[in-house]
Amino acid sequence: MRIVIAEDDALLREGLVLLLRSEGFDVVEAVDHPGDLVSSVVAAAPDLAVVDVRLPPTFTDEGLRAALEARRRVPELAILALSSFVEDGYAGDLLAAGGAGAGYLLKERVGRPDEFLDALRRVAAGGTVLDRDVVAVQLAKRRPGDPVAALTDRECEVVALLAEGHSVPTIGRLLGIGTAAARQHAGDVSAKLRVPGQAGAMLSYLRA
């Protein structure tokens, strides 16, 4: 897998390069500016871009905007966005753009290599991965009358894991309930919320 990294923190950028190369990934470029990200993607046509949401010059959303522009030019590009903050609006923008795999993680997940690499591989394979803290913020916004408020505690756990991008068998394993039970819960959740049991659909529903 060929990867481009865009991160302005030199220590984190080099750490990502070392981690990914040690796992056998081909890091073709590591840059610190949004314009360089776009040009690198166009030149190298990588499979995946790992991008800091906030890049120079204003450190708002330049990284995300550059990643989406890069995907516009190279539609098959998967994007894993990293942020130091829980910003569900950015996650929503990334998902709303459609296209190849997409993920949004807090930077602290990089410090848990197994978790980070699992997310990276799922995004590269075309999946959607959302940080659990982003999902938690949305679940905390439940209001009376909202169908989410009627979900059981177990169903809320299933919603969170679906929104994080986990498959039904993985959810069954993580919750210790088995695949059949997890599939039943996922079906119940989809019926109650009237949305497909997919990460993007779940986050879109929660944000709405």
Protein backbone atom coordinates (compact mmCIF):
# COMPACT_ATOMS: atom_id res chain seq x y z
CA MET A 1 0.00 0.00 0.00
CA ARG A 2 1.32 3.43 -1.00
CA ILE A 3 0.73 6.27 1.47
CA VAL A 4 1.21 10.05 1.58
CA ILE A 5 1.36 11.78 4.97
CA ALA A 6 0.53 15.45 5.62
CA GLU A 7 1.39 16.56 9.16
CA ASP A 8 3.03 19.82 10.27
CA ASP A 9 4.32 18.44 13.60
CA ALA A 10 7.74 17.13 12.60
CA LEU A 11 7.96 14.64 15.48
CA LEU A 12 4.58 13.09 14.75
CA ARG A 13 5.23 13.13 11.02
CA GLU A 14 8.49 11.21 11.39
CA GLY A 15 6.87 8.89 13.91
CA LEU A 16 4.15 8.03 11.43
CA VAL A 17 6.72 7.41 8.71
CA LEU A 18 8.72 5.04 10.95
CA LEU A 19 5.62 3.21 12.17
CA LEU A 20 4.13 2.70 8.72
CA ARG A 21 7.39 1.65 7.08
CA SER A 22 8.07 -0.80 9.90
CA GLU A 23 4.72 -2.41 9.05
CA GLY A 24 5.64 -2.77 5.39
CA PHE A 25 3.75 0.22 3.99
CA ASP A 26 5.31 2.33 1.24
CA VAL A 27 5.35 5.94 2.46
CA VAL A 28 6.00 7.77 -0.80
CA GLU A 29 5.90 11.31 0.63
CA ALA A 30 5.62 13.08 3.99
CA VAL A 31 4.79 16.80 3.77
CA ASP A 32 3.78 19.63 6.09
CA HIS A 33 1.72 21.92 3.84
CA PRO A 34 -1.70 21.44 2.20
CA GLY A 35 -0.49 22.49 -1.24
CA ASP A 36 2.27 19.90 -1.08
CA LEU A 37 -0.28 17.25 -0.16
CA VAL A 38 -2.31 17.89 -3.29
CA SER A 39 0.70 17.94 -5.58
CA SER A 40 2.13 14.78 -3.98
CA VAL A 41 -1.13 12.89 -4.43
CA VAL A 42 -1.46 13.99 -8.05
CA ALA A 43 2.15 13.01 -8.77
CA ALA A 44 2.29 9.70 -6.88
CA ALA A 45 -1.36 8.54 -6.97
CA PRO A 46 -1.11 6.80 -3.57
CA ASP A 47 -3.74 4.47 -2.15
CA LEU A 48 -4.17 6.43 1.07
CA ALA A 49 -3.50 9.88 2.53
CA VAL A 50 -2.99 10.29 6.29
CA VAL A 51 -3.77 13.96 6.90
CA ASP A 52 -3.75 16.37 9.82
CA VAL A 53 -7.05 18.28 9.66
CA ARG A 54 -5.36 21.51 10.76
CA LEU A 55 -2.41 22.59 8.63
CA PRO A 56 -0.76 25.96 7.90
CA PRO A 57 -1.33 28.77 7.33
CA THR A 58 -4.43 29.25 9.53
CA PHE A 59 -4.56 25.84 11.24
CA THR A 60 -8.31 25.50 10.82
CA ASP A 61 -9.31 22.93 8.22
CA GLU A 62 -6.70 23.34 5.47
CA GLY A 63 -5.58 19.73 5.74
CA LEU A 64 -9.08 18.35 5.31
CA ARG A 65 -9.83 20.71 2.42
CA ALA A 66 -6.59 19.74 0.70
CA ALA A 67 -7.35 16.05 1.17
CA LEU A 68 -10.78 16.46 -0.39
CA GLU A 69 -9.27 18.39 -3.29
CA ALA A 70 -6.70 15.62 -3.72
CA ARG A 71 -9.51 13.07 -3.81
CA ARG A 72 -11.32 15.16 -6.42
CA ARG A 73 -8.25 14.80 -8.62
CA VAL A 74 -7.52 11.18 -7.67
CA PRO A 75 -10.99 9.72 -6.92
CA GLU A 76 -9.73 6.36 -5.64
CA LEU A 77 -7.76 8.03 -2.83
CA ALA A 78 -8.70 6.86 0.67
CA ILE A 79 -8.37 9.48 3.43
CA LEU A 80 -7.58 9.02 7.11
CA ALA A 81 -7.90 12.40 8.83
CA LEU A 82 -6.23 13.05 12.19
CA SER A 83 -7.16 15.72 14.69
CA SER A 84 -6.17 16.78 18.18
CA PHE A 85 -9.77 17.71 18.95
CA VAL A 86 -13.24 16.15 18.78
CA GLU A 87 -14.73 18.00 15.80
CA ASP A 88 -17.68 16.03 14.50
CA GLY A 89 -18.38 18.64 11.83
CA TYR A 90 -15.12 17.78 10.10
CA ALA A 91 -15.95 14.08 10.29
CA GLY A 92 -19.31 14.82 8.71
CA ASP A 93 -17.72 16.83 5.91
CA LEU A 94 -15.37 13.96 5.13
CA LEU A 95 -18.18 11.40 5.00
CA ALA A 96 -20.47 13.68 3.01
CA ALA A 97 -17.83 13.95 0.30
CA GLY A 98 -18.35 10.28 -0.58
CA GLY A 99 -15.88 8.34 -2.67
CA ALA A 100 -13.27 5.91 -1.39
CA GLY A 101 -12.59 4.86 2.21
CA ALA A 102 -12.65 7.57 4.86
CA GLY A 103 -11.64 7.79 8.50
CA TYR A 104 -11.46 10.38 11.25
CA LEU A 105 -9.36 9.68 14.35
CA LEU A 106 -7.96 11.62 17.25
CA LYS A 107 -4.18 11.84 17.12
CA GLU A 108 -3.89 10.06 20.45
CA ARG A 109 -4.87 6.83 18.67
CA VAL A 110 -1.50 6.88 16.91
CA GLY A 111 0.00 6.10 20.31
CA ARG A 112 -1.90 2.80 20.21
CA PRO A 113 -0.31 1.26 17.10
CA ASP A 114 -2.51 -1.83 16.84
CA GLU A 115 -5.68 0.24 17.02
CA PHE A 116 -4.36 2.87 14.63
CA LEU A 117 -3.11 0.34 12.07
CA ASP A 118 -6.38 -1.57 12.18
CA ALA A 119 -8.26 1.65 11.42
CA LEU A 120 -5.84 2.53 8.63
CA ARG A 121 -6.27 -0.85 6.96
CA ARG A 122 -10.07 -0.64 7.16
CA VAL A 123 -10.05 2.79 5.54
CA ALA A 124 -7.65 1.63 2.82
CA ALA A 125 -10.01 -1.27 2.10
CA GLY A 126 -12.84 1.18 1.44
CA GLY A 127 -14.41 1.25 4.89
CA THR A 128 -15.42 4.10 7.17
CA VAL A 129 -13.77 4.59 10.56
CA LEU A 130 -14.82 7.18 13.14
CA ASP A 131 -13.19 7.90 16.45
CA ARG A 132 -15.22 6.61 19.38
CA ASP A 133 -15.05 10.02 21.08
CA VAL A 134 -16.80 11.65 18.10
CA VAL A 135 -19.53 9.04 18.27
CA ALA A 136 -19.85 9.49 22.04
CA VAL A 137 -20.42 13.23 21.61
CA GLN A 138 -23.31 12.54 19.24
CA LEU A 139 -24.90 9.90 21.46
CA ALA A 140 -24.73 12.32 24.38
CA LYS A 141 -26.93 14.76 22.45
CA ARG A 142 -29.99 12.52 22.57
CA ARG A 143 -33.26 14.34 23.25
CA PRO A 144 -36.73 13.13 24.36
CA GLY A 145 -38.72 12.01 21.35
CA ASP A 146 -35.60 11.18 19.37
CA PRO A 147 -35.67 7.48 18.38
CA VAL A 148 -32.08 7.22 19.62
CA ALA A 149 -33.38 7.95 23.13
CA ALA A 150 -35.48 4.79 22.91
CA LEU A 151 -32.53 2.51 22.22
CA THR A 152 -31.45 0.10 24.93
CA ASP A 153 -27.98 0.39 26.43
CA ARG A 154 -26.87 -2.59 24.34
CA GLU A 155 -28.29 -1.06 21.18
CA CYS A 156 -26.42 2.18 21.93
CA GLU A 157 -23.22 0.16 22.18
CA VAL A 158 -24.00 -1.39 18.80
CA VAL A 159 -24.74 2.03 17.27
CA ALA A 160 -21.42 3.35 18.55
CA LEU A 161 -19.46 0.42 17.15
CA LEU A 162 -21.28 0.59 13.81
CA ALA A 163 -20.51 4.30 13.60
CA GLU A 164 -16.86 3.54 14.39
CA GLY A 165 -16.84 1.34 11.28
CA HIS A 166 -16.73 -2.12 12.83
CA SER A 167 -18.27 -5.11 11.07
CA VAL A 168 -21.06 -7.12 12.69
CA PRO A 169 -18.78 -10.10 13.47
CA THR A 170 -16.27 -7.73 15.09
CA ILE A 171 -19.02 -6.10 17.12
CA GLY A 172 -20.12 -9.51 18.33
CA ARG A 173 -16.57 -10.28 19.40
CA LEU A 174 -16.00 -6.92 21.09
CA LEU A 175 -19.25 -7.17 23.04
CA GLY A 176 -18.87 -10.87 23.78
CA ILE A 177 -22.30 -11.71 22.37
CA GLY A 178 -21.48 -13.58 19.17
CA THR A 179 -22.18 -12.74 15.54
CA ALA A 180 -25.82 -13.86 15.46
CA ALA A 181 -26.78 -11.70 18.46
CA ALA A 182 -24.83 -8.73 17.10
CA ARG A 183 -26.60 -9.08 13.75
CA GLN A 184 -29.96 -9.12 15.53
CA HIS A 185 -29.11 -5.97 17.51
CA ALA A 186 -27.85 -4.23 14.36
CA GLY A 187 -31.09 -5.10 12.59
CA ASP A 188 -33.16 -3.80 15.50
CA VAL A 189 -31.17 -0.55 15.53
CA SER A 190 -31.55 -0.08 11.78
CA ALA A 191 -35.30 -0.66 12.04
CA LYS A 192 -35.77 1.74 14.96
CA LEU A 193 -33.71 4.50 13.36
CA ARG A 194 -34.81 3.68 9.81
CA VAL A 195 -31.26 3.92 8.49
CA PRO A 196 -28.88 1.29 7.11
CA GLY A 197 -26.50 -0.26 9.63
CA GLN A 198 -23.46 1.50 8.21
CA ALA A 199 -20.99 3.94 9.73
CA GLY A 200 -21.77 6.89 7.47
CA ALA A 201 -25.52 6.45 7.83
CA MET A 202 -25.28 6.15 11.60
CA LEU A 203 -23.16 9.29 12.01
CA SER A 204 -25.35 11.27 9.62
CA TYR A 205 -28.41 10.26 11.60
CA LEU A 206 -26.85 11.14 14.95
CA ARG A 207 -25.69 14.54 13.65
CA ALA A 208 -29.18 15.29 12.31
